[in-house]
N, C-alpha and C. Protein backbone atom coordinates (compact mmCIF):
# COMPACT_ATOMS: atom_id res chain seq x y z
N MET A 1 143.20 156.72 83.53
CA MET A 1 144.45 156.17 82.71
C MET A 1 144.81 154.85 83.43
N MET A 2 144.98 154.04 82.48
CA MET A 2 145.48 152.48 83.02
C MET A 2 146.80 152.63 83.39
N GLN A 3 147.12 151.93 84.44
CA GLN A 3 148.54 151.73 85.01
C GLN A 3 148.84 150.25 84.75
N VAL A 4 149.90 149.95 84.22
CA VAL A 4 150.48 148.58 83.91
C VAL A 4 151.68 148.32 84.83
N GLU A 5 151.71 147.26 85.45
CA GLU A 5 152.96 146.85 86.31
C GLU A 5 153.18 145.40 86.16
N GLY A 6 154.46 145.11 86.06
CA GLY A 6 154.92 143.76 85.99
C GLY A 6 156.25 143.60 86.76
N THR A 7 156.33 142.40 87.35
CA THR A 7 157.59 142.12 88.17
C THR A 7 158.15 140.90 87.51
N ILE A 8 159.42 140.83 87.36
CA ILE A 8 160.15 139.71 86.80
C ILE A 8 161.13 139.42 87.86
N THR A 9 161.17 138.08 88.24
CA THR A 9 162.07 137.42 89.33
C THR A 9 162.92 136.38 88.64
N THR A 10 164.23 136.50 88.79
CA THR A 10 164.98 135.41 88.19
C THR A 10 166.12 135.06 89.28
N LEU A 11 166.58 133.79 89.10
CA LEU A 11 167.47 133.26 90.13
C LEU A 11 168.97 133.32 89.57
N HIS A 12 169.88 133.66 90.35
CA HIS A 12 171.30 133.84 89.92
C HIS A 12 172.26 133.43 91.00
N ASP A 13 173.38 132.86 90.55
CA ASP A 13 174.40 132.43 91.60
C ASP A 13 175.07 133.73 92.25
N ASN A 14 175.03 134.91 91.47
CA ASN A 14 175.54 136.09 92.01
C ASN A 14 174.59 137.26 91.71
N ALA A 15 173.49 137.24 92.43
CA ALA A 15 172.21 138.20 92.17
C ALA A 15 172.74 139.56 92.35
N ALA A 16 173.69 139.81 93.41
CA ALA A 16 174.03 141.22 93.55
C ALA A 16 174.86 141.89 92.37
N CYS A 17 175.62 140.98 91.86
CA CYS A 17 176.41 141.40 90.57
C CYS A 17 175.37 141.75 89.47
N VAL A 18 174.49 140.73 89.21
CA VAL A 18 173.58 140.90 88.13
C VAL A 18 172.72 142.15 88.28
N ALA A 19 172.18 142.38 89.57
CA ALA A 19 171.43 143.51 89.81
C ALA A 19 172.26 144.78 89.53
N ALA A 20 173.34 144.87 89.94
CA ALA A 20 174.22 145.92 89.75
C ALA A 20 174.54 146.30 88.44
N ALA A 21 174.80 145.25 87.67
CA ALA A 21 174.92 145.44 86.16
C ALA A 21 173.72 145.97 85.48
N LEU A 22 172.60 145.54 86.00
CA LEU A 22 171.32 145.95 85.21
C LEU A 22 170.91 147.43 85.61
N THR A 23 171.22 147.78 86.81
CA THR A 23 170.72 149.16 87.32
C THR A 23 170.96 150.25 86.43
N PRO A 24 172.18 150.50 85.98
CA PRO A 24 172.51 151.61 85.08
C PRO A 24 171.70 151.79 83.86
N ASP A 25 171.05 150.69 83.36
CA ASP A 25 170.33 150.68 82.18
C ASP A 25 168.79 150.98 82.53
N ASN A 26 168.39 150.96 83.67
CA ASN A 26 167.02 150.88 84.00
C ASN A 26 166.40 152.42 83.75
N LEU A 27 165.24 152.46 83.13
CA LEU A 27 164.47 153.55 82.93
C LEU A 27 163.93 154.09 84.22
N ARG A 28 163.36 155.29 84.27
CA ARG A 28 162.76 155.78 85.58
C ARG A 28 161.51 154.93 85.95
N SER A 29 161.00 154.19 85.04
CA SER A 29 159.82 153.32 85.38
C SER A 29 160.34 151.92 85.82
N MET A 30 161.55 151.71 86.11
CA MET A 30 162.04 150.29 86.46
C MET A 30 162.75 150.51 87.78
N GLU A 31 162.52 149.45 88.64
CA GLU A 31 163.37 149.26 89.90
C GLU A 31 163.88 147.81 89.88
N THR A 32 165.19 147.71 90.07
CA THR A 32 165.83 146.40 90.20
C THR A 32 166.53 146.27 91.50
N ARG A 33 166.46 145.10 92.23
CA ARG A 33 167.13 144.89 93.41
C ARG A 33 167.43 143.35 93.46
N ALA A 34 168.50 143.11 94.29
CA ALA A 34 168.90 141.69 94.59
C ALA A 34 168.13 141.40 95.95
N GLU A 35 167.64 140.12 95.99
CA GLU A 35 167.08 139.65 97.31
C GLU A 35 167.59 138.21 97.43
N GLY A 36 168.64 138.12 98.19
CA GLY A 36 169.33 136.80 98.21
C GLY A 36 169.86 136.23 96.91
N GLY A 37 169.45 135.29 96.50
CA GLY A 37 169.86 134.69 95.10
C GLY A 37 168.86 135.03 93.92
N ARG A 38 168.06 136.06 94.23
CA ARG A 38 167.08 136.53 93.20
C ARG A 38 167.40 137.83 92.82
N VAL A 39 167.10 138.28 91.48
CA VAL A 39 167.03 139.66 91.04
C VAL A 39 165.64 139.86 90.80
N VAL A 40 165.03 140.93 91.38
CA VAL A 40 163.66 141.28 91.23
C VAL A 40 163.55 142.69 90.52
N THR A 41 162.95 142.64 89.41
CA THR A 41 162.75 143.98 88.66
C THR A 41 161.19 144.23 88.53
N THR A 42 160.89 145.35 88.83
CA THR A 42 159.41 145.89 88.65
C THR A 42 159.41 146.96 87.57
N ILE A 43 158.65 146.83 86.69
CA ILE A 43 158.43 147.76 85.48
C ILE A 43 157.04 148.29 85.45
N THR A 44 156.80 149.67 85.41
CA THR A 44 155.57 150.28 85.40
C THR A 44 155.53 151.23 84.19
N GLY A 45 154.20 151.34 83.79
CA GLY A 45 154.03 152.23 82.72
C GLY A 45 152.51 152.55 82.48
N THR A 46 152.16 153.44 81.62
CA THR A 46 150.75 153.70 81.46
C THR A 46 150.22 153.07 80.11
N GLN A 47 151.14 152.61 79.34
CA GLN A 47 150.90 152.00 77.99
C GLN A 47 151.55 150.67 77.99
N LEU A 48 150.68 149.68 77.62
CA LEU A 48 151.10 148.35 77.52
C LEU A 48 152.27 148.05 76.62
N ARG A 49 152.19 148.63 75.45
CA ARG A 49 153.19 148.49 74.44
C ARG A 49 154.56 149.02 75.05
N SER A 50 154.51 150.04 75.79
CA SER A 50 155.86 150.59 76.30
C SER A 50 156.39 149.74 77.38
N VAL A 51 155.46 149.10 78.15
CA VAL A 51 155.98 148.06 79.11
C VAL A 51 156.56 146.87 78.54
N ILE A 52 155.84 146.37 77.51
CA ILE A 52 156.36 145.27 76.72
C ILE A 52 157.77 145.55 76.06
N ALA A 53 157.86 146.75 75.51
CA ALA A 53 159.15 147.04 74.87
C ALA A 53 160.25 147.15 76.10
N SER A 54 159.86 147.67 77.23
CA SER A 54 160.81 147.69 78.35
C SER A 54 161.18 146.37 78.74
N VAL A 55 160.27 145.46 78.86
CA VAL A 55 160.57 144.04 79.28
C VAL A 55 161.39 143.36 78.22
N ASP A 56 161.26 143.65 76.88
CA ASP A 56 162.13 143.03 75.90
C ASP A 56 163.57 143.55 76.00
N ASP A 57 163.72 144.88 76.29
CA ASP A 57 165.08 145.37 76.53
C ASP A 57 165.73 144.89 77.68
N TYR A 58 164.82 144.79 78.75
CA TYR A 58 165.39 144.36 80.06
C TYR A 58 165.77 142.87 79.92
N LEU A 59 165.20 141.99 79.14
CA LEU A 59 165.51 140.60 79.04
C LEU A 59 166.96 140.46 78.21
N MET A 60 167.10 141.37 77.31
CA MET A 60 168.48 141.43 76.54
C MET A 60 169.49 141.83 77.45
N ASN A 61 169.24 142.88 78.20
CA ASN A 61 170.28 143.30 79.23
C ASN A 61 170.56 142.34 80.27
N LEU A 62 169.65 141.57 80.71
CA LEU A 62 169.72 140.63 81.77
C LEU A 62 170.65 139.48 81.16
N ALA A 63 170.50 139.07 80.05
CA ALA A 63 171.36 138.05 79.48
C ALA A 63 172.79 138.43 79.41
N VAL A 64 172.99 139.65 79.11
CA VAL A 64 174.39 140.26 79.10
C VAL A 64 174.93 140.32 80.45
N ALA A 65 174.13 140.85 81.39
CA ALA A 65 174.48 141.03 82.84
C ALA A 65 174.88 139.57 83.32
N GLU A 66 174.10 138.63 83.14
CA GLU A 66 174.33 137.17 83.69
C GLU A 66 175.68 136.73 83.10
N ASP A 67 175.89 136.86 81.69
CA ASP A 67 177.13 136.42 81.17
C ASP A 67 178.40 137.09 81.78
N ALA A 68 178.23 138.46 81.98
CA ALA A 68 179.35 139.24 82.50
C ALA A 68 179.66 138.74 83.89
N CYS A 69 178.64 138.59 84.81
CA CYS A 69 178.92 138.21 86.05
C CYS A 69 179.30 136.82 86.22
N SER A 70 178.95 135.82 85.40
CA SER A 70 179.47 134.54 85.30
C SER A 70 180.88 134.51 84.84
N LEU A 71 181.37 135.39 83.93
CA LEU A 71 182.78 135.45 83.55
C LEU A 71 183.55 136.01 84.79
N THR A 72 182.97 136.94 85.38
CA THR A 72 183.75 137.66 86.59
C THR A 72 183.97 136.65 87.67
N ALA A 73 182.82 135.80 87.97
CA ALA A 73 182.97 134.81 89.01
C ALA A 73 183.98 133.79 88.68
N LYS A 74 184.20 133.38 87.33
CA LYS A 74 185.16 132.44 86.92
C LYS A 74 186.51 132.87 87.07
N THR A 75 186.78 134.25 86.87
CA THR A 75 188.07 134.71 87.00
C THR A 75 188.59 135.08 88.27
N ASP A 76 187.58 135.12 89.22
CA ASP A 76 187.70 135.31 90.76
C ASP A 76 188.30 134.12 91.48
N ARG A 77 188.08 132.89 90.86
CA ARG A 77 188.33 131.76 91.47
C ARG A 77 189.85 131.44 91.43
């Protein structure tokens, strides 16, 4: 059986906030962590279509998390 794995790394002003916002939506096949100013997410699966669908969902969630954390940072000032 084929194993598919991909890692997405993105840069953020508040990576810890973004990672924390993403983690509740993670599937069992996903791991998200903050590393300094980066959010690193690894997605694994046995079917390429499932991994692609997970990446698509993750990217939508990432956009929402980034917006939410940006708004939070602005109100904290």
